[in-house]
Amino acid sequence: MLPLHFKVKDKNVLVVGGGKIALRRLRLFLEEGARITVISPDVVPEIAELSKADKLNWQAKKVELADLKDALFIIAATNDSAVNEWIAENASENQLVNVASNANKGNVIVPKSVKKGRLTLSVSTNGASPTLAKQICEQLSKQFDEQFVNELEQMYENRANRKRNK
């Protein structure tokens, strides 16, 4: 798999499932300004609150084929691996699909990531151990303090100024 970062602002993201894993994944996209739809008969209270606050669209139902159509990115995070695999099998070849229960069934892995200002660290074990990816990412992030984050911001400003002056 090719690691990359891409803009999801104003892009349609479908999250099928309403549990803790679905919540954890959707928060990443919410922070980046994606338009999120959650399909799940039941959700954890945090997802219900986000829906009430108009931060996402929650549809309290089981997933149907038509639900997959308009999403750029699909997260299959139900507690039923057969449903998750059905989602992956029925998504179009041009959609990005993350299958929480079996990384090999999707075409995208969501790495553990940490943001500190303009620095983004992301770590993946390609589905072998999300827990280990989290530990590695947290260890790496401790190496970069506030002074480093400020210096990186200054580097960004200096580069932007040089580009404007060309």
C-alpha atoms as a PDB file:
ATOM      1  CA  MET A   1       0.000   0.000   0.000  1.00  0.00           C
ATOM      2  CA  LEU A   2       1.071   3.528  -0.774  1.00  0.00           C
ATOM      3  CA  PRO A   3       1.018   5.911   2.194  1.00  0.00           C
ATOM      4  CA  LEU A   4      -0.412   9.316   1.313  1.00  0.00           C
ATOM      5  CA  HIS A   5      -2.408  12.182   2.714  1.00  0.00           C
ATOM      6  CA  PHE A   6      -5.383  13.559   0.816  1.00  0.00           C
ATOM      7  CA  LYS A   7      -7.956  16.287   1.323  1.00  0.00           C
ATOM      8  CA  VAL A   8     -11.368  15.044   2.367  1.00  0.00           C
ATOM      9  CA  LYS A   9     -12.895  18.462   3.076  1.00  0.00           C
ATOM     10  CA  ASP A  10     -16.437  18.506   1.685  1.00  0.00           C
ATOM     11  CA  LYS A  11     -16.096  14.920   0.404  1.00  0.00           C
ATOM     12  CA  ASN A  12     -18.735  12.283   1.127  1.00  0.00           C
ATOM     13  CA  VAL A  13     -17.627   9.740   3.709  1.00  0.00           C
ATOM     14  CA  LEU A  14     -19.899   6.845   4.617  1.00  0.00           C
ATOM     15  CA  VAL A  15     -19.454   5.104   7.955  1.00  0.00           C
ATOM     16  CA  VAL A  16     -21.397   1.872   8.323  1.00  0.00           C
ATOM     17  CA  GLY A  17     -21.517   0.956  11.989  1.00  0.00           C
ATOM     18  CA  GLY A  18     -22.178   2.894  15.125  1.00  0.00           C
ATOM     19  CA  GLY A  19     -19.743   1.617  17.721  1.00  0.00           C
ATOM     20  CA  LYS A  20     -16.464   2.781  19.209  1.00  0.00           C
ATOM     21  CA  ILE A  21     -14.381   1.875  16.153  1.00  0.00           C
ATOM     22  CA  ALA A  22     -16.781   3.729  13.849  1.00  0.00           C
ATOM     23  CA  LEU A  23     -16.596   6.732  16.173  1.00  0.00           C
ATOM     24  CA  ARG A  24     -12.809   6.689  16.272  1.00  0.00           C
ATOM     25  CA  ARG A  25     -12.567   6.539  12.476  1.00  0.00           C
ATOM     26  CA  LEU A  26     -15.226   9.149  11.774  1.00  0.00           C
ATOM     27  CA  ARG A  27     -13.584  11.650  14.134  1.00  0.00           C
ATOM     28  CA  LEU A  28     -10.544  11.735  11.854  1.00  0.00           C
ATOM     29  CA  PHE A  29     -12.706  12.678   8.891  1.00  0.00           C
ATOM     30  CA  LEU A  30     -14.823  15.089  10.902  1.00  0.00           C
ATOM     31  CA  GLU A  31     -11.681  17.003  11.934  1.00  0.00           C
ATOM     32  CA  GLU A  32     -10.802  17.394   8.256  1.00  0.00           C
ATOM     33  CA  GLY A  33     -14.206  18.733   7.237  1.00  0.00           C
ATOM     34  CA  ALA A  34     -15.655  15.706   5.439  1.00  0.00           C
ATOM     35  CA  ARG A  35     -19.413  15.300   4.972  1.00  0.00           C
ATOM     36  CA  ILE A  36     -20.149  12.208   7.043  1.00  0.00           C
ATOM     37  CA  THR A  37     -23.107   9.879   6.880  1.00  0.00           C
ATOM     38  CA  VAL A  38     -23.417   7.130   9.471  1.00  0.00           C
ATOM     39  CA  ILE A  39     -25.617   4.126   8.681  1.00  0.00           C
ATOM     40  CA  SER A  40     -26.420   2.002  11.730  1.00  0.00           C
ATOM     41  CA  PRO A  41     -29.582   0.969  13.568  1.00  0.00           C
ATOM     42  CA  ASP A  42     -27.896   1.936  16.844  1.00  0.00           C
ATOM     43  CA  VAL A  43     -24.960   4.193  17.694  1.00  0.00           C
ATOM     44  CA  VAL A  44     -22.865   5.039  20.723  1.00  0.00           C
ATOM     45  CA  PRO A  45     -24.027   8.195  22.533  1.00  0.00           C
ATOM     46  CA  GLU A  46     -21.167  10.283  21.083  1.00  0.00           C
ATOM     47  CA  ILE A  47     -22.330   9.629  17.500  1.00  0.00           C
ATOM     48  CA  ALA A  48     -25.921  10.445  18.463  1.00  0.00           C
ATOM     49  CA  GLU A  49     -24.722  13.739  19.969  1.00  0.00           C
ATOM     50  CA  LEU A  50     -22.726  14.599  16.828  1.00  0.00           C
ATOM     51  CA  SER A  51     -25.862  13.950  14.802  1.00  0.00           C
ATOM     52  CA  LYS A  52     -27.990  16.150  17.068  1.00  0.00           C
ATOM     53  CA  ALA A  53     -25.374  18.904  16.690  1.00  0.00           C
ATOM     54  CA  ASP A  54     -25.603  18.580  12.862  1.00  0.00           C
ATOM     55  CA  LYS A  55     -21.962  17.505  12.611  1.00  0.00           C
ATOM     56  CA  LEU A  56     -22.959  14.359  10.687  1.00  0.00           C
ATOM     57  CA  ASN A  57     -25.989  12.638   9.218  1.00  0.00           C
ATOM     58  CA  TRP A  58     -27.049   9.504  11.102  1.00  0.00           C
ATOM     59  CA  GLN A  59     -29.513   7.161   9.399  1.00  0.00           C
ATOM     60  CA  ALA A  60     -30.849   4.640  11.911  1.00  0.00           C
ATOM     61  CA  LYS A  61     -31.161   1.637   9.587  1.00  0.00           C
ATOM     62  CA  LYS A  62     -29.276  -1.276   8.068  1.00  0.00           C
ATOM     63  CA  VAL A  63     -27.020  -0.558   5.112  1.00  0.00           C
ATOM     64  CA  GLU A  64     -28.407  -0.973   1.592  1.00  0.00           C
ATOM     65  CA  LEU A  65     -26.670  -1.020  -1.781  1.00  0.00           C
ATOM     66  CA  ALA A  66     -27.927   2.484  -2.642  1.00  0.00           C
ATOM     67  CA  ASP A  67     -26.199   3.874   0.472  1.00  0.00           C
ATOM     68  CA  LEU A  68     -22.780   3.112  -0.992  1.00  0.00           C
ATOM     69  CA  LYS A  69     -23.274   5.028  -4.229  1.00  0.00           C
ATOM     70  CA  ASP A  70     -22.144   8.591  -3.483  1.00  0.00           C
ATOM     71  CA  ALA A  71     -19.316   8.030  -1.008  1.00  0.00           C
ATOM     72  CA  LEU A  72     -15.705   8.719  -1.896  1.00  0.00           C
ATOM     73  CA  PHE A  73     -14.563   6.894   1.244  1.00  0.00           C
ATOM     74  CA  ILE A  74     -16.419   4.070   2.969  1.00  0.00           C
ATOM     75  CA  ILE A  75     -15.648   2.774   6.437  1.00  0.00           C
ATOM     76  CA  ALA A  76     -17.134  -0.666   7.122  1.00  0.00           C
ATOM     77  CA  ALA A  77     -17.073  -0.844  10.910  1.00  0.00           C
ATOM     78  CA  THR A  78     -20.027  -2.964  11.947  1.00  0.00           C
ATOM     79  CA  ASN A  79     -19.733  -5.758  14.490  1.00  0.00           C
ATOM     80  CA  ASP A  80     -20.608  -8.220  11.695  1.00  0.00           C
ATOM     81  CA  SER A  81     -17.633  -9.152   9.490  1.00  0.00           C
ATOM     82  CA  ALA A  82     -19.981 -10.569   6.821  1.00  0.00           C
ATOM     83  CA  VAL A  83     -21.671  -7.160   6.477  1.00  0.00           C
ATOM     84  CA  ASN A  84     -18.297  -5.425   6.368  1.00  0.00           C
ATOM     85  CA  GLU A  85     -17.129  -7.757   3.600  1.00  0.00           C
ATOM     86  CA  TRP A  86     -20.403  -7.285   1.699  1.00  0.00           C
ATOM     87  CA  ILE A  87     -19.756  -3.537   1.736  1.00  0.00           C
ATOM     88  CA  ALA A  88     -16.256  -4.019   0.320  1.00  0.00           C
ATOM     89  CA  GLU A  89     -17.532  -6.379  -2.362  1.00  0.00           C
ATOM     90  CA  ASN A  90     -20.309  -4.014  -3.427  1.00  0.00           C
ATOM     91  CA  ALA A  91     -18.398  -0.745  -3.464  1.00  0.00           C
ATOM     92  CA  SER A  92     -17.277   0.480  -6.865  1.00  0.00           C
ATOM     93  CA  GLU A  93     -13.668  -0.021  -7.880  1.00  0.00           C
ATOM     94  CA  ASN A  94     -13.163   3.765  -7.650  1.00  0.00           C
ATOM     95  CA  GLN A  95     -14.241   4.050  -4.028  1.00  0.00           C
ATOM     96  CA  LEU A  96     -11.870   3.894  -1.092  1.00  0.00           C
ATOM     97  CA  VAL A  97     -12.988   1.236   1.392  1.00  0.00           C
ATOM     98  CA  ASN A  98     -11.654   0.562   4.864  1.00  0.00           C
ATOM     99  CA  VAL A  99     -12.841  -2.682   6.454  1.00  0.00           C
ATOM    100  CA  ALA A 100     -12.285  -2.440  10.191  1.00  0.00           C
ATOM    101  CA  SER A 101     -12.733  -6.175  10.839  1.00  0.00           C
ATOM    102  CA  ASN A 102     -10.303  -7.338   8.132  1.00  0.00           C
ATOM    103  CA  ALA A 103      -7.865  -4.842   6.596  1.00  0.00           C
ATOM    104  CA  ASN A 104      -7.185  -7.170   3.654  1.00  0.00           C
ATOM    105  CA  LYS A 105     -10.798  -6.957   2.460  1.00  0.00           C
ATOM    106  CA  GLY A 106     -10.625  -3.205   1.837  1.00  0.00           C
ATOM    107  CA  ASN A 107      -8.327  -1.143  -0.350  1.00  0.00           C
ATOM    108  CA  VAL A 108      -7.393   1.459   2.293  1.00  0.00           C
ATOM    109  CA  ILE A 109      -5.946   1.231   5.787  1.00  0.00           C
ATOM    110  CA  VAL A 110      -6.475   4.079   8.234  1.00  0.00           C
ATOM    111  CA  PRO A 111      -3.168   4.497  10.059  1.00  0.00           C
ATOM    112  CA  LYS A 112      -2.795   5.753  13.589  1.00  0.00           C
ATOM    113  CA  SER A 113      -1.932   9.424  13.308  1.00  0.00           C
ATOM    114  CA  VAL A 114      -1.007  12.337  15.527  1.00  0.00           C
ATOM    115  CA  LYS A 115      -1.030  16.008  14.520  1.00  0.00           C
ATOM    116  CA  LYS A 116       1.120  18.640  16.126  1.00  0.00           C
ATOM    117  CA  GLY A 117       0.718  21.896  14.261  1.00  0.00           C
ATOM    118  CA  ARG A 118       1.898  21.272  10.690  1.00  0.00           C
ATOM    119  CA  LEU A 119       3.532  17.965  11.627  1.00  0.00           C
ATOM    120  CA  THR A 120       1.516  14.841  10.954  1.00  0.00           C
ATOM    121  CA  LEU A 121       2.901  11.499  12.040  1.00  0.00           C
ATOM    122  CA  SER A 122       1.182   8.338  10.876  1.00  0.00           C
ATOM    123  CA  VAL A 123       2.041   4.729  11.547  1.00  0.00           C
ATOM    124  CA  SER A 124       0.579   1.561  10.115  1.00  0.00           C
ATOM    125  CA  THR A 125       1.358  -2.083  10.691  1.00  0.00           C
ATOM    126  CA  ASN A 126      -0.765  -2.910   7.607  1.00  0.00           C
ATOM    127  CA  GLY A 127      -3.421  -4.434   9.805  1.00  0.00           C
ATOM    128  CA  ALA A 128      -1.101  -6.666  11.823  1.00  0.00           C
ATOM    129  CA  SER A 129      -1.500  -4.798  15.115  1.00  0.00           C
ATOM    130  CA  PRO A 130      -3.387  -1.507  15.471  1.00  0.00           C
ATOM    131  CA  THR A 131      -2.347  -1.458  19.128  1.00  0.00           C
ATOM    132  CA  LEU A 132       1.342  -1.564  18.208  1.00  0.00           C
ATOM    133  CA  ALA A 133       0.809   1.163  15.576  1.00  0.00           C
ATOM    134  CA  LYS A 134      -0.765   3.340  18.278  1.00  0.00           C
ATOM    135  CA  GLN A 135       2.146   2.726  20.677  1.00  0.00           C
ATOM    136  CA  ILE A 136       4.757   3.526  18.012  1.00  0.00           C
ATOM    137  CA  CYS A 137       2.939   6.672  16.954  1.00  0.00           C
ATOM    138  CA  GLU A 138       2.651   7.892  20.532  1.00  0.00           C
ATOM    139  CA  GLN A 139       6.362   7.206  21.151  1.00  0.00           C
ATOM    140  CA  LEU A 140       7.320   9.099  17.995  1.00  0.00           C
ATOM    141  CA  SER A 141       5.119  12.073  18.856  1.00  0.00           C
ATOM    142  CA  LYS A 142       6.875  12.530  22.210  1.00  0.00           C
ATOM    143  CA  GLN A 143      10.074  13.409  20.313  1.00  0.00           C
ATOM    144  CA  PHE A 144       8.516  16.626  18.976  1.00  0.00           C
ATOM    145  CA  ASP A 145       7.853  19.318  21.569  1.00  0.00           C
ATOM    146  CA  GLU A 146       6.152  22.715  21.278  1.00  0.00           C
ATOM    147  CA  GLN A 147       9.440  24.384  20.328  1.00  0.00           C
ATOM    148  CA  PHE A 148       9.774  22.044  17.353  1.00  0.00           C
ATOM    149  CA  VAL A 149       6.164  22.723  16.312  1.00  0.00           C
ATOM    150  CA  ASN A 150       6.831  26.484  16.464  1.00  0.00           C
ATOM    151  CA  GLU A 151      10.047  26.120  14.441  1.00  0.00           C
ATOM    152  CA  LEU A 152       8.190  24.097  11.829  1.00  0.00           C
ATOM    153  CA  GLU A 153       5.542  26.820  11.585  1.00  0.00           C
ATOM    154  CA  GLN A 154       8.304  29.394  11.061  1.00  0.00           C
ATOM    155  CA  MET A 155       9.823  27.204   8.321  1.00  0.00           C
ATOM    156  CA  TYR A 156       6.442  27.123   6.627  1.00  0.00           C
ATOM    157  CA  GLU A 157       6.101  30.921   6.794  1.00  0.00           C
ATOM    158  CA  ASN A 158       9.644  31.404   5.460  1.00  0.00           C
ATOM    159  CA  ARG A 159       8.969  29.064   2.554  1.00  0.00           C
ATOM    160  CA  ALA A 160       5.651  30.775   1.764  1.00  0.00           C
ATOM    161  CA  ASN A 161       7.423  34.164   1.753  1.00  0.00           C
ATOM    162  CA  ARG A 162      10.134  32.881  -0.602  1.00  0.00           C
ATOM    163  CA  LYS A 163       7.466  31.556  -2.982  1.00  0.00           C
ATOM    164  CA  ARG A 164       5.614  34.896  -2.970  1.00  0.00           C
ATOM    165  CA  ASN A 165       8.827  36.806  -3.698  1.00  0.00           C
ATOM    166  CA  LYS A 166       9.790  34.740  -6.757  1.00  0.00           C
END
